[in-house]
C-alpha atoms as a PDB file:
ATOM      1  CA  MET A   1       0.000   0.000   0.000  1.00  0.00           C
ATOM      2  CA  GLU A   2       1.182   3.513  -0.794  1.00  0.00           C
ATOM      3  CA  LYS A   3       0.154   7.081  -0.170  1.00  0.00           C
ATOM      4  CA  GLU A   4       1.664  10.306  -1.483  1.00  0.00           C
ATOM      5  CA  VAL A   5       2.113  13.144   0.991  1.00  0.00           C
ATOM      6  CA  THR A   6       3.593  16.629   0.765  1.00  0.00           C
ATOM      7  CA  VAL A   7       5.793  18.215   3.410  1.00  0.00           C
ATOM      8  CA  THR A   8       3.900  21.392   4.311  1.00  0.00           C
ATOM      9  CA  ASN A   9       5.525  22.562   7.539  1.00  0.00           C
ATOM     10  CA  SER A  10       7.941  25.441   7.004  1.00  0.00           C
ATOM     11  CA  LEU A  11      11.073  23.709   8.337  1.00  0.00           C
ATOM     12  CA  GLY A  12      10.598  20.377   6.558  1.00  0.00           C
ATOM     13  CA  LEU A  13      11.539  17.043   8.081  1.00  0.00           C
ATOM     14  CA  HIS A  14      13.959  18.219  10.757  1.00  0.00           C
ATOM     15  CA  ALA A  15      14.659  16.291  13.974  1.00  0.00           C
ATOM     16  CA  ARG A  16      11.306  16.798  15.707  1.00  0.00           C
ATOM     17  CA  PRO A  17       9.051  15.657  12.835  1.00  0.00           C
ATOM     18  CA  ALA A  18      11.457  12.800  12.080  1.00  0.00           C
ATOM     19  CA  ALA A  19      11.190  11.658  15.695  1.00  0.00           C
ATOM     20  CA  MET A  20       7.387  11.883  15.552  1.00  0.00           C
ATOM     21  CA  ILE A  21       7.301   9.741  12.391  1.00  0.00           C
ATOM     22  CA  ALA A  22       9.707   7.171  13.851  1.00  0.00           C
ATOM     23  CA  LYS A  23       7.784   6.947  17.126  1.00  0.00           C
ATOM     24  CA  CYS A  24       4.460   6.581  15.328  1.00  0.00           C
ATOM     25  CA  SER A  25       5.869   3.976  12.919  1.00  0.00           C
ATOM     26  CA  ALA A  26       7.431   1.945  15.722  1.00  0.00           C
ATOM     27  CA  GLY A  27       3.939   1.205  17.018  1.00  0.00           C
ATOM     28  CA  PHE A  28       3.149  -0.890  13.954  1.00  0.00           C
ATOM     29  CA  ALA A  29       4.367  -4.318  12.928  1.00  0.00           C
ATOM     30  CA  SER A  30       4.337  -3.374   9.236  1.00  0.00           C
ATOM     31  CA  GLU A  31       7.439  -2.330   7.348  1.00  0.00           C
ATOM     32  CA  ILE A  32       6.995   1.380   6.591  1.00  0.00           C
ATOM     33  CA  LEU A  33       9.195   3.154   4.057  1.00  0.00           C
ATOM     34  CA  ILE A  34       9.420   6.758   2.880  1.00  0.00           C
ATOM     35  CA  ASN A  35      10.485   7.371  -0.715  1.00  0.00           C
ATOM     36  CA  LYS A  36      11.805  10.715  -1.964  1.00  0.00           C
ATOM     37  CA  SER A  37      12.532  10.500  -5.690  1.00  0.00           C
ATOM     38  CA  GLY A  38      14.122   7.062  -5.360  1.00  0.00           C
ATOM     39  CA  GLU A  39      15.844   7.680  -2.011  1.00  0.00           C
ATOM     40  CA  ILE A  40      14.242   5.319   0.486  1.00  0.00           C
ATOM     41  CA  ALA A  41      14.291   5.578   4.273  1.00  0.00           C
ATOM     42  CA  ASN A  42      12.924   3.298   6.943  1.00  0.00           C
ATOM     43  CA  ALA A  43      10.163   5.269   8.690  1.00  0.00           C
ATOM     44  CA  LYS A  44      11.204   3.757  12.023  1.00  0.00           C
ATOM     45  CA  SER A  45      14.652   5.413  11.789  1.00  0.00           C
ATOM     46  CA  ILE A  46      14.998   9.074  12.787  1.00  0.00           C
ATOM     47  CA  LEU A  47      18.393   9.342  11.101  1.00  0.00           C
ATOM     48  CA  GLY A  48      17.105   7.643   7.952  1.00  0.00           C
ATOM     49  CA  ILE A  49      14.218  10.093   7.699  1.00  0.00           C
ATOM     50  CA  MET A  50      16.484  13.090   8.233  1.00  0.00           C
ATOM     51  CA  THR A  51      18.887  11.944   5.492  1.00  0.00           C
ATOM     52  CA  LEU A  52      16.082  12.454   2.969  1.00  0.00           C
ATOM     53  CA  SER A  53      16.521  16.232   3.431  1.00  0.00           C
ATOM     54  CA  ALA A  54      12.844  16.798   2.678  1.00  0.00           C
ATOM     55  CA  GLY A  55      12.084  20.500   2.808  1.00  0.00           C
ATOM     56  CA  LYS A  56       8.772  22.277   2.527  1.00  0.00           C
ATOM     57  CA  GLY A  57       6.928  21.314  -0.653  1.00  0.00           C
ATOM     58  CA  THR A  58       8.704  17.984  -1.078  1.00  0.00           C
ATOM     59  CA  LYS A  59       6.471  15.158  -2.279  1.00  0.00           C
ATOM     60  CA  LEU A  60       7.054  11.804  -0.605  1.00  0.00           C
ATOM     61  CA  VAL A  61       5.539   8.362  -1.043  1.00  0.00           C
ATOM     62  CA  ILE A  62       4.882   6.414   2.138  1.00  0.00           C
ATOM     63  CA  SER A  63       4.534   2.685   1.676  1.00  0.00           C
ATOM     64  CA  ALA A  64       3.585   0.033   4.192  1.00  0.00           C
ATOM     65  CA  GLU A  65       3.530  -3.731   4.000  1.00  0.00           C
ATOM     66  CA  GLY A  66       2.149  -6.001   6.686  1.00  0.00           C
ATOM     67  CA  ASP A  67      -0.941  -6.903   8.681  1.00  0.00           C
ATOM     68  CA  ASP A  68      -1.526  -3.353   9.946  1.00  0.00           C
ATOM     69  CA  ALA A  69      -0.419  -1.514   6.790  1.00  0.00           C
ATOM     70  CA  VAL A  70      -3.693   0.413   6.361  1.00  0.00           C
ATOM     71  CA  GLN A  71      -3.602   1.736   9.914  1.00  0.00           C
ATOM     72  CA  ALA A  72       0.118   2.540   9.633  1.00  0.00           C
ATOM     73  CA  LEU A  73      -0.369   4.580   6.459  1.00  0.00           C
ATOM     74  CA  GLU A  74      -3.281   6.461   7.995  1.00  0.00           C
ATOM     75  CA  ALA A  75      -1.343   7.272  11.171  1.00  0.00           C
ATOM     76  CA  VAL A  76       1.859   8.413   9.450  1.00  0.00           C
ATOM     77  CA  SER A  77       0.059  10.444   6.788  1.00  0.00           C
ATOM     78  CA  ALA A  78      -2.022  12.125   9.526  1.00  0.00           C
ATOM     79  CA  LEU A  79       1.235  13.557  10.943  1.00  0.00           C
ATOM     80  CA  PHE A  80       1.951  15.239   7.606  1.00  0.00           C
ATOM     81  CA  GLU A  81      -1.624  16.533   7.376  1.00  0.00           C
ATOM     82  CA  SER A  82      -1.332  18.076  10.857  1.00  0.00           C
ATOM     83  CA  ASN A  83       1.964  19.821   9.930  1.00  0.00           C
ATOM     84  CA  PHE A  84       3.495  17.932  12.860  1.00  0.00           C
ATOM     85  CA  ASP A  85       1.608  20.315  15.156  1.00  0.00           C
ATOM     86  CA  GLU A  86       4.051  23.094  14.257  1.00  0.00           C
ATOM     87  CA  GLU A  87       1.734  25.640  12.668  1.00  0.00           C
END
């Protein structure tokens, strides 16, 4: 399963949003990946997420595979939709 999201918070995926994604993702058994134009990061890794250098306006594809993939995609994409509670 996949879902496209756009980074809309002004500072992009810096440490705090990366930590929020990793913490949220860790609560699911599914493998969750974030793809930025072919660069792929494990959504359970703060460092991996930060290495994507995703600034405001960047389009990402979140993919999940496993028994709770639907719930995982919904939860992670909800973080992007809420601007990581920054604005």
